[in-house]
Protein backbone atom coordinates (compact mmCIF):
# COMPACT_ATOMS: atom_id res chain seq x y z
CA UNK A 1 -22.20 49.91 -38.72
CA UNK A 2 -22.86 47.27 -36.11
CA UNK A 3 -23.43 44.48 -38.66
CA UNK A 4 -20.00 45.06 -40.23
CA UNK A 5 -18.43 44.98 -36.76
CA UNK A 6 -20.07 41.58 -36.11
CA UNK A 7 -18.76 40.29 -39.44
CA UNK A 8 -15.19 41.24 -38.50
CA UNK A 9 -15.63 39.51 -35.12
CA UNK A 10 -16.73 36.37 -36.96
CA UNK A 11 -13.57 36.47 -39.07
CA UNK A 12 -11.43 37.06 -35.97
CA UNK A 13 -12.54 33.72 -34.48
CA UNK A 14 -11.16 31.89 -37.55
CA UNK A 15 -7.69 33.42 -37.80
CA UNK A 16 -4.36 33.21 -35.99
CA UNK A 17 -4.34 35.68 -33.10
CA UNK A 18 -0.68 36.59 -33.77
CA UNK A 19 -1.38 38.03 -37.23
CA UNK A 20 -5.08 38.69 -37.07
CA UNK A 21 -5.08 41.76 -39.35
CA UNK A 22 -3.70 39.88 -42.37
CA UNK A 23 -5.84 36.85 -41.47
CA UNK A 24 -9.04 38.92 -41.48
CA UNK A 25 -7.98 40.54 -44.76
CA UNK A 26 -7.51 37.08 -46.35
CA UNK A 27 -10.93 35.95 -45.10
CA UNK A 28 -12.60 39.07 -46.55
CA UNK A 29 -10.78 38.61 -49.87
CA UNK A 30 -11.94 34.99 -50.10
CA UNK A 31 -15.50 36.00 -49.31
CA UNK A 32 -15.39 38.69 -52.02
CA UNK A 33 -14.02 36.22 -54.59
CA UNK A 34 -16.72 33.66 -53.76
CA UNK A 35 -19.40 36.35 -54.01
CA UNK A 36 -18.10 37.43 -57.45
CA UNK A 37 -18.02 33.81 -58.63
CA UNK A 38 -21.58 33.27 -57.45
CA UNK A 39 -22.92 36.35 -59.26
CA UNK A 40 -20.91 35.73 -62.45
CA UNK A 41 -22.43 32.35 -63.41
CA UNK A 42 -26.17 32.37 -62.69
CA UNK A 43 -27.05 30.24 -65.76
CA UNK A 44 -24.58 27.53 -64.75
CA UNK A 45 -26.05 27.55 -61.27
CA UNK A 46 -29.55 27.08 -62.69
CA UNK A 47 -28.34 24.19 -64.86
CA UNK A 48 -26.70 22.48 -61.87
CA UNK A 49 -29.88 22.94 -59.83
CA UNK A 50 -31.96 21.12 -62.45
CA UNK A 51 -29.36 18.39 -62.92
CA UNK A 52 -29.18 17.88 -59.13
CA UNK A 53 -32.62 16.25 -59.15
CA UNK A 54 -31.17 13.44 -61.29
CA UNK A 55 -27.95 12.92 -59.34
CA UNK A 56 -27.56 9.86 -57.10
CA UNK A 57 -26.60 12.07 -54.13
CA UNK A 58 -28.25 14.96 -52.35
CA UNK A 59 -26.78 18.43 -52.35
CA UNK A 60 -25.41 19.92 -49.14
CA UNK A 61 -28.31 22.40 -49.06
CA UNK A 62 -30.99 19.68 -49.18
CA UNK A 63 -32.43 19.05 -45.76
CA UNK A 64 -33.27 15.60 -44.48
CA UNK A 65 -34.38 14.59 -41.02
CA UNK A 66 -32.34 11.76 -39.50
CA UNK A 67 -33.15 11.18 -35.82
CA UNK A 68 -30.88 9.33 -33.41
CA UNK A 69 -30.84 5.58 -33.76
CA UNK A 70 -30.65 2.59 -31.46
CA UNK A 71 -26.94 1.57 -31.26
CA UNK A 72 -27.90 -2.11 -31.60
CA UNK A 73 -29.20 -1.51 -35.14
CA UNK A 74 -26.42 -2.18 -37.67
CA UNK A 75 -27.20 0.72 -40.01
CA UNK A 76 -29.62 3.60 -40.20
CA UNK A 77 -30.83 5.89 -43.00
CA UNK A 78 -33.73 8.30 -43.15
CA UNK A 79 -37.07 6.88 -44.22
CA UNK A 80 -38.00 10.13 -45.99
CA UNK A 81 -39.56 9.96 -49.43
CA UNK A 82 -39.02 13.58 -50.47
CA UNK A 83 -35.98 13.03 -52.71
CA UNK A 84 -36.49 10.27 -55.25
CA UNK A 85 -35.38 9.08 -58.67
CA UNK A 86 -37.72 7.54 -61.21
CA UNK A 87 -35.71 4.43 -61.93
CA UNK A 88 -36.84 3.93 -65.57
CA UNK A 89 -36.22 7.60 -66.51
CA UNK A 90 -32.88 7.62 -64.68
CA UNK A 91 -31.72 4.48 -66.52
CA UNK A 92 -32.89 5.88 -69.87
CA UNK A 93 -30.97 9.14 -69.31
CA UNK A 94 -27.82 7.22 -68.39
CA UNK A 95 -28.03 4.68 -71.21
CA UNK A 96 -24.52 4.02 -72.49
CA UNK A 97 -22.84 4.75 -69.16
CA UNK A 98 -20.82 1.63 -68.20
CA UNK A 99 -21.80 2.07 -64.54
CA UNK A 100 -25.42 1.40 -65.50
CA UNK A 101 -24.78 -1.86 -67.36
CA UNK A 102 -27.21 -4.46 -65.97
CA UNK A 103 -28.09 -1.98 -63.18
CA UNK A 104 -31.72 -3.02 -62.68
CA UNK A 105 -31.11 -6.81 -62.67
CA UNK A 106 -28.22 -6.36 -60.23
CA UNK A 107 -30.33 -4.08 -58.02
CA UNK A 108 -33.14 -6.65 -57.98
CA UNK A 109 -30.66 -9.47 -57.24
CA UNK A 110 -29.32 -7.46 -54.30
CA UNK A 111 -32.80 -6.73 -52.93
CA UNK A 112 -34.02 -10.31 -53.39
CA UNK A 113 -30.94 -11.69 -51.62
CA UNK A 114 -31.59 -9.38 -48.63
CA UNK A 115 -35.31 -10.23 -48.53
CA UNK A 116 -34.59 -13.97 -48.66
CA UNK A 117 -32.06 -13.69 -45.84
CA UNK A 118 -28.91 -14.57 -47.79
CA UNK A 119 -25.72 -13.40 -46.12
CA UNK A 120 -23.86 -10.80 -48.13
CA UNK A 121 -21.08 -12.46 -50.12
CA UNK A 122 -20.35 -9.87 -52.76
CA UNK A 123 -23.77 -10.30 -54.41
CA UNK A 124 -22.67 -13.24 -56.52
CA UNK A 125 -26.14 -14.78 -56.22
CA UNK A 126 -28.09 -14.35 -59.46
CA UNK A 127 -31.80 -14.86 -59.67
CA UNK A 128 -33.82 -15.86 -62.71
CA UNK A 129 -35.77 -13.35 -64.80
CA UNK A 130 -38.99 -14.88 -63.47
CA UNK A 131 -37.89 -14.28 -59.87
CA UNK A 132 -36.80 -10.73 -60.67
CA UNK A 133 -40.10 -9.96 -62.42
CA UNK A 134 -41.98 -10.79 -59.20
CA UNK A 135 -40.15 -7.97 -57.41
CA UNK A 136 -41.67 -4.57 -58.19
CA UNK A 137 -40.32 -1.18 -57.12
CA UNK A 138 -43.29 0.77 -55.76
CA UNK A 139 -44.04 3.77 -58.02
CA UNK A 140 -40.88 2.89 -60.04
CA UNK A 141 -38.81 4.90 -57.53
CA UNK A 142 -35.71 4.70 -55.42
CA UNK A 143 -35.27 7.26 -52.65
CA UNK A 144 -32.04 9.23 -52.22
CA UNK A 145 -30.49 10.11 -48.87
CA UNK A 146 -27.60 12.20 -47.62
CA UNK A 147 -26.17 9.94 -44.94
CA UNK A 148 -26.00 6.36 -43.76
CA UNK A 149 -24.98 5.68 -40.17
CA UNK A 150 -23.15 2.46 -39.38
CA UNK A 151 -23.07 1.15 -35.80
CA UNK A 152 -20.31 -1.28 -34.91
CA UNK A 153 -18.19 -2.69 -32.10
CA UNK A 154 -14.56 -1.59 -32.00
CA UNK A 155 -11.58 -3.84 -31.33
CA UNK A 156 -11.71 -2.79 -27.64
CA UNK A 157 -15.42 -3.75 -27.40
CA UNK A 158 -16.87 -0.23 -27.46
CA UNK A 159 -19.88 0.76 -29.50
CA UNK A 160 -19.09 3.33 -32.20
CA UNK A 161 -20.94 4.96 -35.05
CA UNK A 162 -19.67 6.22 -38.41
CA UNK A 163 -21.60 8.63 -40.58
CA UNK A 164 -20.94 8.02 -44.28
CA UNK A 165 -22.02 10.14 -47.23
CA UNK A 166 -21.09 10.66 -50.84
CA UNK A 167 -19.81 14.20 -50.30
CA UNK A 168 -17.29 14.21 -47.44
CA UNK A 169 -16.87 10.58 -46.31
CA UNK A 170 -17.21 8.70 -49.57
CA UNK A 171 -14.24 6.31 -49.44
CA UNK A 172 -14.77 3.16 -47.43
CA UNK A 173 -13.04 -0.14 -46.67
CA UNK A 174 -14.90 -3.37 -45.81
CA UNK A 175 -13.93 -6.99 -45.25
CA UNK A 176 -13.67 -8.80 -48.54
CA UNK A 177 -15.68 -11.85 -49.54
CA UNK A 178 -13.17 -13.44 -51.90
CA UNK A 179 -13.60 -16.99 -53.18
CA UNK A 180 -9.86 -17.59 -52.85
CA UNK A 181 -9.26 -16.30 -49.32
CA UNK A 182 -5.67 -17.59 -49.19
CA UNK A 183 -4.52 -15.39 -52.10
CA UNK A 184 -7.26 -12.75 -51.99
CA UNK A 185 -6.90 -9.34 -50.43
CA UNK A 186 -8.54 -9.11 -46.98
CA UNK A 187 -10.34 -5.82 -47.77
CA UNK A 188 -12.44 -4.27 -50.49
CA UNK A 189 -12.15 -0.57 -51.15
CA UNK A 190 -15.13 1.38 -52.43
CA UNK A 191 -16.53 4.85 -52.99
CA UNK A 192 -20.08 5.74 -52.03
CA UNK A 193 -21.91 7.25 -54.99
CA UNK A 194 -25.30 7.47 -53.30
CA UNK A 195 -27.39 6.23 -50.40
CA UNK A 196 -30.78 4.80 -51.36
CA UNK A 197 -33.78 2.91 -50.11
CA UNK A 198 -36.62 1.36 -52.09
CA UNK A 199 -40.13 0.22 -51.34
CA UNK A 200 -40.87 -3.12 -52.98
CA UNK A 201 -43.87 -5.35 -53.46
């Protein structure tokens, strides 16, 4: 009927106009394969859905409001508190993972350095256990976000903005903060695993 006709029109927009018949057929075949895959593994889908609440990133389907930002602000993330991780439970579940070695002390060092106004130098500043114990994460939570927006000035003095996330724009390059600048590499390369904010007291 009419709905099927609309579906074919939607496929037509996405294919080469020279060989549109075979292009539409390929699109329909892909859609059928994806549908079969989706219906074949419902238990795996349920397992992924429960595990997704403990992942450092948000799924594509998760909605998060992120209004426009002032271009003079260096970075911008949502201030939503809907998606969170209980830090103590998360660390317990990932005990033994090398990425979580000294995670909480390093997180507190990073937060303390920002609160005290230290310039970022690779987070080589370490604070004492007494200083760290004075910093408390409110409700033992860190809040997960989809995107961080970075505002910057380009080489030709224009204002630009990059949107970074752990799904599609995860690989980044930043200026390095090496102790030995003469022999050190000028850039650090990294991969975004998650975007977080925390409320501290």
